[in-house]
PDB file of N, CA and C in Angstrom:
ATOM      1  N   MET A   1      10.141  57.115  60.996  1.00  0.00           N
ATOM      2  CA  MET A   1       9.503  56.018  61.702  1.00  0.00           C
ATOM      3  C   MET A   1      10.269  54.723  61.436  1.00  0.00           C
ATOM      4  N   LEU A   2      10.560  53.986  62.488  1.00  0.00           N
ATOM      5  CA  LEU A   2      11.250  52.711  62.334  1.00  0.00           C
ATOM      6  C   LEU A   2      10.264  51.651  61.873  1.00  0.00           C
ATOM      7  N   SER A   3      10.740  50.821  60.991  1.00  0.00           N
ATOM      8  CA  SER A   3       9.864  49.758  60.513  1.00  0.00           C
ATOM      9  C   SER A   3       9.733  48.672  61.571  1.00  0.00           C
ATOM     10  N   PHE A   4       8.686  47.918  61.474  1.00  0.00           N
ATOM     11  CA  PHE A   4       8.430  46.805  62.378  1.00  0.00           C
ATOM     12  C   PHE A   4       9.571  45.801  62.316  1.00  0.00           C
ATOM     13  N   PHE A   5      10.097  45.545  61.126  1.00  0.00           N
ATOM     14  CA  PHE A   5      11.144  44.544  60.962  1.00  0.00           C
ATOM     15  C   PHE A   5      12.437  44.973  61.636  1.00  0.00           C
ATOM     16  N   TYR A   6      12.782  46.249  61.538  1.00  0.00           N
ATOM     17  CA  TYR A   6      13.981  46.759  62.207  1.00  0.00           C
ATOM     18  C   TYR A   6      13.829  46.653  63.715  1.00  0.00           C
ATOM     19  N   TYR A   7      12.696  47.084  64.232  1.00  0.00           N
ATOM     20  CA  TYR A   7      12.447  47.031  65.673  1.00  0.00           C
ATOM     21  C   TYR A   7      12.484  45.585  66.164  1.00  0.00           C
ATOM     22  N   ASN A   8      11.867  44.698  65.433  1.00  0.00           N
ATOM     23  CA  ASN A   8      11.816  43.290  65.800  1.00  0.00           C
ATOM     24  C   ASN A   8      13.228  42.689  65.810  1.00  0.00           C
ATOM     25  N   TYR A   9      14.044  43.053  64.825  1.00  0.00           N
ATOM     26  CA  TYR A   9      15.432  42.587  64.763  1.00  0.00           C
ATOM     27  C   TYR A   9      16.214  43.085  65.973  1.00  0.00           C
ATOM     28  N   LYS A  10      16.118  44.384  66.269  1.00  0.00           N
ATOM     29  CA  LYS A  10      16.866  44.978  67.369  1.00  0.00           C
ATOM     30  C   LYS A  10      16.409  44.437  68.716  1.00  0.00           C
ATOM     31  N   SER A  11      15.155  44.085  68.854  1.00  0.00           N
ATOM     32  CA  SER A  11      14.671  43.578  70.129  1.00  0.00           C
ATOM     33  C   SER A  11      15.137  42.144  70.385  1.00  0.00           C
ATOM     34  N   ARG A  12      15.669  41.478  69.362  1.00  0.00           N
ATOM     35  CA  ARG A  12      16.157  40.116  69.522  1.00  0.00           C
ATOM     36  C   ARG A  12      17.678  40.023  69.556  1.00  0.00           C
ATOM     37  N   THR A  13      18.347  41.171  69.665  1.00  0.00           N
ATOM     38  CA  THR A  13      19.808  41.175  69.709  1.00  0.00           C
ATOM     39  C   THR A  13      20.311  41.931  70.931  1.00  0.00           C
ATOM     40  N   LYS A  14      21.559  41.650  71.293  1.00  0.00           N
ATOM     41  CA  LYS A  14      22.223  42.321  72.416  1.00  0.00           C
ATOM     42  C   LYS A  14      23.593  42.784  71.949  1.00  0.00           C
ATOM     43  N   LEU A  15      24.080  43.846  72.560  1.00  0.00           N
ATOM     44  CA  LEU A  15      25.444  44.305  72.317  1.00  0.00           C
ATOM     45  C   LEU A  15      26.236  44.134  73.606  1.00  0.00           C
ATOM     46  N   PHE A  16      27.339  43.403  73.510  1.00  0.00           N
ATOM     47  CA  PHE A  16      28.229  43.192  74.645  1.00  0.00           C
ATOM     48  C   PHE A  16      29.552  43.886  74.353  1.00  0.00           C
ATOM     49  N   ILE A  17      30.131  44.497  75.384  1.00  0.00           N
ATOM     50  CA  ILE A  17      31.438  45.142  75.239  1.00  0.00           C
ATOM     51  C   ILE A  17      32.344  44.596  76.346  1.00  0.00           C
ATOM     52  N   PHE A  18      33.476  44.019  75.921  1.00  0.00           N
ATOM     53  CA  PHE A  18      34.382  43.341  76.842  1.00  0.00           C
ATOM     54  C   PHE A  18      35.786  43.933  76.800  1.00  0.00           C
ATOM     55  N   LYS A  19      36.481  43.822  77.920  1.00  0.00           N
ATOM     56  CA  LYS A  19      37.910  44.110  78.004  1.00  0.00           C
ATOM     57  C   LYS A  19      38.619  42.772  77.810  1.00  0.00           C
ATOM     58  N   THR A  20      39.662  42.763  76.967  1.00  0.00           N
ATOM     59  CA  THR A  20      40.374  41.509  76.696  1.00  0.00           C
ATOM     60  C   THR A  20      41.883  41.737  76.716  1.00  0.00           C
ATOM     61  N   ASP A  21      42.614  40.651  76.528  1.00  0.00           N
ATOM     62  CA  ASP A  21      44.067  40.754  76.332  1.00  0.00           C
ATOM     63  C   ASP A  21      44.429  40.347  74.897  1.00  0.00           C
ATOM     64  N   ILE A  22      43.473  40.476  74.010  1.00  0.00           N
ATOM     65  CA  ILE A  22      43.697  40.196  72.580  1.00  0.00           C
ATOM     66  C   ILE A  22      44.281  41.479  71.992  1.00  0.00           C
ATOM     67  N   GLU A  23      45.613  41.568  72.026  1.00  0.00           N
ATOM     68  CA  GLU A  23      46.262  42.858  71.792  1.00  0.00           C
ATOM     69  C   GLU A  23      46.991  42.993  70.455  1.00  0.00           C
ATOM     70  N   THR A  24      47.025  41.939  69.666  1.00  0.00           N
ATOM     71  CA  THR A  24      47.705  42.022  68.367  1.00  0.00           C
ATOM     72  C   THR A  24      46.819  41.423  67.277  1.00  0.00           C
ATOM     73  N   LYS A  25      47.146  41.754  66.041  1.00  0.00           N
ATOM     74  CA  LYS A  25      46.394  41.200  64.910  1.00  0.00           C
ATOM     75  C   LYS A  25      46.562  39.686  64.821  1.00  0.00           C
ATOM     76  N   ASN A  26      47.709  39.177  65.219  1.00  0.00           N
ATOM     77  CA  ASN A  26      47.919  37.728  65.220  1.00  0.00           C
ATOM     78  C   ASN A  26      47.008  37.032  66.220  1.00  0.00           C
ATOM     79  N   LYS A  27      46.811  37.656  67.385  1.00  0.00           N
ATOM     80  CA  LYS A  27      45.895  37.088  68.375  1.00  0.00           C
ATOM     81  C   LYS A  27      44.449  37.151  67.876  1.00  0.00           C
ATOM     82  N   VAL A  28      44.114  38.225  67.167  1.00  0.00           N
ATOM     83  CA  VAL A  28      42.772  38.337  66.581  1.00  0.00           C
ATOM     84  C   VAL A  28      42.556  37.189  65.599  1.00  0.00           C
ATOM     85  N   LYS A  29      43.572  36.885  64.807  1.00  0.00           N
ATOM     86  CA  LYS A  29      43.462  35.792  63.830  1.00  0.00           C
ATOM     87  C   LYS A  29      43.209  34.457  64.506  1.00  0.00           C
ATOM     88  N   THR A  30      43.788  34.244  65.692  1.00  0.00           N
ATOM     89  CA  THR A  30      43.610  32.960  66.370  1.00  0.00           C
ATOM     90  C   THR A  30      42.187  32.770  66.882  1.00  0.00           C
ATOM     91  N   ILE A  31      41.490  33.857  67.155  1.00  0.00           N
ATOM     92  CA  ILE A  31      40.129  33.745  67.672  1.00  0.00           C
ATOM     93  C   ILE A  31      39.066  34.004  66.602  1.00  0.00           C
ATOM     94  N   LYS A  32      39.490  34.489  65.434  1.00  0.00           N
ATOM     95  CA  LYS A  32      38.572  34.853  64.352  1.00  0.00           C
ATOM     96  C   LYS A  32      37.659  33.706  63.932  1.00  0.00           C
ATOM     97  N   SER A  33      38.190  32.546  63.705  1.00  0.00           N
ATOM     98  CA  SER A  33      37.369  31.435  63.229  1.00  0.00           C
ATOM     99  C   SER A  33      36.311  31.041  64.266  1.00  0.00           C
ATOM    100  N   PHE A  34      36.682  31.105  65.539  1.00  0.00           N
ATOM    101  CA  PHE A  34      35.714  30.812  66.601  1.00  0.00           C
ATOM    102  C   PHE A  34      34.567  31.818  66.581  1.00  0.00           C
ATOM    103  N   LEU A  35      34.890  33.122  66.540  1.00  0.00           N
ATOM    104  CA  LEU A  35      33.857  34.155  66.554  1.00  0.00           C
ATOM    105  C   LEU A  35      33.015  34.137  65.278  1.00  0.00           C
ATOM    106  N   ASP A  36      33.663  33.919  64.133  1.00  0.00           N
ATOM    107  CA  ASP A  36      32.940  33.878  62.858  1.00  0.00           C
ATOM    108  C   ASP A  36      31.964  32.706  62.779  1.00  0.00           C
ATOM    109  N   SER A  37      32.321  31.590  63.388  1.00  0.00           N
ATOM    110  CA  SER A  37      31.491  30.391  63.249  1.00  0.00           C
ATOM    111  C   SER A  37      30.476  30.212  64.374  1.00  0.00           C
ATOM    112  N   HIS A  38      30.511  31.073  65.383  1.00  0.00           N
ATOM    113  CA  HIS A  38      29.570  30.927  66.502  1.00  0.00           C
ATOM    114  C   HIS A  38      28.144  31.201  66.015  1.00  0.00           C
ATOM    115  N   PRO A  39      27.204  30.297  66.281  1.00  0.00           N
ATOM    116  CA  PRO A  39      25.851  30.437  65.733  1.00  0.00           C
ATOM    117  C   PRO A  39      25.049  31.626  66.271  1.00  0.00           C
ATOM    118  N   TYR A  40      25.396  32.152  67.442  1.00  0.00           N
ATOM    119  CA  TYR A  40      24.627  33.260  68.022  1.00  0.00           C
ATOM    120  C   TYR A  40      25.289  34.622  67.856  1.00  0.00           C
ATOM    121  N   ILE A  41      26.516  34.663  67.357  1.00  0.00           N
ATOM    122  CA  ILE A  41      27.201  35.937  67.154  1.00  0.00           C
ATOM    123  C   ILE A  41      26.889  36.455  65.754  1.00  0.00           C
ATOM    124  N   ILE A  42      26.350  37.670  65.703  1.00  0.00           N
ATOM    125  CA  ILE A  42      25.979  38.293  64.427  1.00  0.00           C
ATOM    126  C   ILE A  42      27.158  39.086  63.866  1.00  0.00           C
ATOM    127  N   LYS A  43      27.737  39.965  64.696  1.00  0.00           N
ATOM    128  CA  LYS A  43      28.890  40.779  64.309  1.00  0.00           C
ATOM    129  C   LYS A  43      29.825  40.891  65.498  1.00  0.00           C
ATOM    130  N   TRP A  44      31.096  41.081  65.200  1.00  0.00           N
ATOM    131  CA  TRP A  44      32.069  41.293  66.267  1.00  0.00           C
ATOM    132  C   TRP A  44      33.226  42.134  65.744  1.00  0.00           C
ATOM    133  N   SER A  45      33.921  42.793  66.671  1.00  0.00           N
ATOM    134  CA  SER A  45      35.128  43.549  66.331  1.00  0.00           C
ATOM    135  C   SER A  45      36.008  43.646  67.571  1.00  0.00           C
ATOM    136  N   ILE A  46      37.306  43.762  67.325  1.00  0.00           N
ATOM    137  CA  ILE A  46      38.271  43.940  68.414  1.00  0.00           C
ATOM    138  C   ILE A  46      39.130  45.150  68.077  1.00  0.00           C
ATOM    139  N   ASP A  47      39.168  46.097  68.997  1.00  0.00           N
ATOM    140  CA  ASP A  47      39.986  47.296  68.833  1.00  0.00           C
ATOM    141  C   ASP A  47      41.313  47.078  69.559  1.00  0.00           C
ATOM    142  N   VAL A  48      42.328  46.629  68.819  1.00  0.00           N
ATOM    143  CA  VAL A  48      43.633  46.332  69.424  1.00  0.00           C
ATOM    144  C   VAL A  48      44.422  47.605  69.740  1.00  0.00           C
ATOM    145  N   GLU A  49      43.941  48.752  69.301  1.00  0.00           N
ATOM    146  CA  GLU A  49      44.625  50.009  69.589  1.00  0.00           C
ATOM    147  C   GLU A  49      44.110  50.655  70.868  1.00  0.00           C
ATOM    148  N   HIS A  50      42.979  50.214  71.361  1.00  0.00           N
ATOM    149  CA  HIS A  50      42.419  50.719  72.621  1.00  0.00           C
ATOM    150  C   HIS A  50      43.176  50.068  73.777  1.00  0.00           C
ATOM    151  N   THR A  51      43.362  50.787  74.863  1.00  0.00           N
ATOM    152  CA  THR A  51      44.118  50.245  75.997  1.00  0.00           C
ATOM    153  C   THR A  51      43.467  49.006  76.608  1.00  0.00           C
ATOM    154  N   ASP A  52      42.143  48.870  76.454  1.00  0.00           N
ATOM    155  CA  ASP A  52      41.431  47.706  76.987  1.00  0.00           C
ATOM    156  C   ASP A  52      41.226  46.607  75.955  1.00  0.00           C
ATOM    157  N   ASN A  53      41.767  46.787  74.740  1.00  0.00           N
ATOM    158  CA  ASN A  53      41.599  45.788  73.674  1.00  0.00           C
ATOM    159  C   ASN A  53      40.139  45.358  73.587  1.00  0.00           C
ATOM    160  N   VAL A  54      39.281  46.323  73.311  1.00  0.00           N
ATOM    161  CA  VAL A  54      37.832  46.165  73.406  1.00  0.00           C
ATOM    162  C   VAL A  54      37.293  45.202  72.352  1.00  0.00           C
ATOM    163  N   LEU A  55      36.541  44.223  72.838  1.00  0.00           N
ATOM    164  CA  LEU A  55      35.829  43.271  71.985  1.00  0.00           C
ATOM    165  C   LEU A  55      34.357  43.633  72.046  1.00  0.00           C
ATOM    166  N   LYS A  56      33.772  43.954  70.896  1.00  0.00           N
ATOM    167  CA  LYS A  56      32.337  44.242  70.806  1.00  0.00           C
ATOM    168  C   LYS A  56      31.675  43.092  70.067  1.00  0.00           C
ATOM    169  N   ILE A  57      30.590  42.611  70.643  1.00  0.00           N
ATOM    170  CA  ILE A  57      29.862  41.505  70.039  1.00  0.00           C
ATOM    171  C   ILE A  57      28.382  41.848  69.987  1.00  0.00           C
ATOM    172  N   GLU A  58      27.816  41.780  68.784  1.00  0.00           N
ATOM    173  CA  GLU A  58      26.363  41.854  68.623  1.00  0.00           C
ATOM    174  C   GLU A  58      25.901  40.409  68.485  1.00  0.00           C
ATOM    175  N   ALA A  59      24.990  40.010  69.371  1.00  0.00           N
ATOM    176  CA  ALA A  59      24.587  38.609  69.422  1.00  0.00           C
ATOM    177  C   ALA A  59      23.080  38.470  69.568  1.00  0.00           C
ATOM    178  N   ARG A  60      22.611  37.293  69.247  1.00  0.00           N
ATOM    179  CA  ARG A  60      21.204  36.979  69.471  1.00  0.00           C
ATOM    180  C   ARG A  60      20.968  36.849  70.968  1.00  0.00           C
ATOM    181  N   ASN A  61      19.722  37.023  71.382  1.00  0.00           N
ATOM    182  CA  ASN A  61      19.384  36.970  72.807  1.00  0.00           C
ATOM    183  C   ASN A  61      19.707  35.630  73.451  1.00  0.00           C
ATOM    184  N   ASN A  62      19.911  34.583  72.668  1.00  0.00           N
ATOM    185  CA  ASN A  62      20.210  33.257  73.214  1.00  0.00           C
ATOM    186  C   ASN A  62      21.563  33.218  73.914  1.00  0.00           C
ATOM    187  N   LEU A  63      22.435  34.162  73.620  1.00  0.00           N
ATOM    188  CA  LEU A  63      23.795  34.156  74.139  1.00  0.00           C
ATOM    189  C   LEU A  63      23.902  35.092  75.345  1.00  0.00           C
ATOM    190  N   SER A  64      24.533  34.621  76.416  1.00  0.00           N
ATOM    191  CA  SER A  64      24.697  35.462  77.606  1.00  0.00           C
ATOM    192  C   SER A  64      26.146  35.934  77.717  1.00  0.00           C
ATOM    193  N   LYS A  65      26.342  36.970  78.515  1.00  0.00           N
ATOM    194  CA  LYS A  65      27.696  37.506  78.726  1.00  0.00           C
ATOM    195  C   LYS A  65      28.606  36.453  79.350  1.00  0.00           C
ATOM    196  N   ASN A  66      28.067  35.652  80.262  1.00  0.00           N
ATOM    197  CA  ASN A  66      28.880  34.623  80.905  1.00  0.00           C
ATOM    198  C   ASN A  66      29.296  33.533  79.929  1.00  0.00           C
ATOM    199  N   ASP A  67      28.417  33.210  78.971  1.00  0.00           N
ATOM    200  CA  ASP A  67      28.773  32.240  77.929  1.00  0.00           C
ATOM    201  C   ASP A  67      29.950  32.748  77.114  1.00  0.00           C
ATOM    202  N   ILE A  68      29.880  34.015  76.717  1.00  0.00           N
ATOM    203  CA  ILE A  68      30.949  34.599  75.916  1.00  0.00           C
ATOM    204  C   ILE A  68      32.264  34.605  76.705  1.00  0.00           C
ATOM    205  N   ILE A  69      32.214  35.078  77.940  1.00  0.00           N
ATOM    206  CA  ILE A  69      33.416  35.158  78.764  1.00  0.00           C
ATOM    207  C   ILE A  69      34.063  33.784  78.911  1.00  0.00           C
ATOM    208  N   SER A  70      33.271  32.776  79.228  1.00  0.00           N
ATOM    209  CA  SER A  70      33.854  31.441  79.420  1.00  0.00           C
ATOM    210  C   SER A  70      34.403  30.875  78.113  1.00  0.00           C
ATOM    211  N   GLN A  71      33.735  31.147  77.000  1.00  0.00           N
ATOM    212  CA  GLN A  71      34.218  30.631  75.717  1.00  0.00           C
ATOM    213  C   GLN A  71      35.487  31.347  75.267  1.00  0.00           C
ATOM    214  N   ILE A  72      35.595  32.643  75.518  1.00  0.00           N
ATOM    215  CA  ILE A  72      36.825  33.382  75.190  1.00  0.00           C
ATOM    216  C   ILE A  72      37.971  32.880  76.071  1.00  0.00           C
ATOM    217  N   LYS A  73      37.697  32.641  77.338  1.00  0.00           N
ATOM    218  CA  LYS A  73      38.724  32.127  78.247  1.00  0.00           C
ATOM    219  C   LYS A  73      39.165  30.728  77.831  1.00  0.00           C
ATOM    220  N   THR A  74      38.234  29.927  77.314  1.00  0.00           N
ATOM    221  CA  THR A  74      38.570  28.593  76.821  1.00  0.00           C
ATOM    222  C   THR A  74      39.548  28.686  75.652  1.00  0.00           C
ATOM    223  N   GLN A  75      39.467  29.773  74.893  1.00  0.00           N
ATOM    224  CA  GLN A  75      40.370  29.994  73.769  1.00  0.00           C
ATOM    225  C   GLN A  75      41.748  30.490  74.239  1.00  0.00           C
ATOM    226  N   GLY A  76      41.885  30.726  75.549  1.00  0.00           N
ATOM    227  CA  GLY A  76      43.183  31.117  76.104  1.00  0.00           C
ATOM    228  C   GLY A  76      43.367  32.606  76.330  1.00  0.00           C
ATOM    229  N   PHE A  77      42.284  33.375  76.322  1.00  0.00           N
ATOM    230  CA  PHE A  77      42.379  34.826  76.484  1.00  0.00           C
ATOM    231  C   PHE A  77      41.631  35.286  77.715  1.00  0.00           C
ATOM    232  N   TYR A  78      42.069  36.440  78.250  1.00  0.00           N
ATOM    233  CA  TYR A  78      41.355  37.108  79.342  1.00  0.00           C
ATOM    234  C   TYR A  78      40.160  37.832  78.749  1.00  0.00           C
ATOM    235  N   CYS A  79      39.038  37.860  79.480  1.00  0.00           N
ATOM    236  CA  CYS A  79      37.838  38.558  79.008  1.00  0.00           C
ATOM    237  C   CYS A  79      36.976  38.930  80.203  1.00  0.00           C
ATOM    238  N   SER A  80      36.587  40.222  80.289  1.00  0.00           N
ATOM    239  CA  SER A  80      35.663  40.666  81.336  1.00  0.00           C
ATOM    240  C   SER A  80      34.740  41.722  80.747  1.00  0.00           C
ATOM    241  N   LEU A  81      33.554  41.810  81.288  1.00  0.00           N
ATOM    242  CA  LEU A  81      32.542  42.733  80.795  1.00  0.00           C
ATOM    243  C   LEU A  81      32.912  44.173  81.129  1.00  0.00           C
ATOM    244  N   LEU A  82      32.843  45.070  80.152  1.00  0.00           N
ATOM    245  CA  LEU A  82      33.072  46.496  80.391  1.00  0.00           C
ATOM    246  C   LEU A  82      31.768  47.228  80.670  1.00  0.00           C
ATOM    247  N   THR A  83      30.712  46.861  79.956  1.00  0.00           N
ATOM    248  CA  THR A  83      29.407  47.495  80.166  1.00  0.00           C
ATOM    249  C   THR A  83      28.351  46.423  80.309  1.00  0.00           C
ATOM    250  N   ASP A  84      27.297  46.759  81.008  1.00  0.00           N
ATOM    251  CA  ASP A  84      26.210  45.814  81.213  1.00  0.00           C
ATOM    252  C   ASP A  84      24.938  46.305  80.569  1.00  0.00           C
TER     253      ASP A  84
END
């Protein structure tokens, strides 16, 4: 049985999966401080070995996919949603 606290936590978070052009560890380093310091991002990872350079973000419900896409593009990278 799932606890109330776990369910409540999961119901207030979203998982976004994006295709990016963040293809090297050096590029990951350039965006790391932005992703680490974002107030609504809980966890994130970038798979630079995947052909789509997949960026996964677990975020609070306050953050939308369009917010993430525009903020990643502001950092100078391509970003589009892979799953909805």
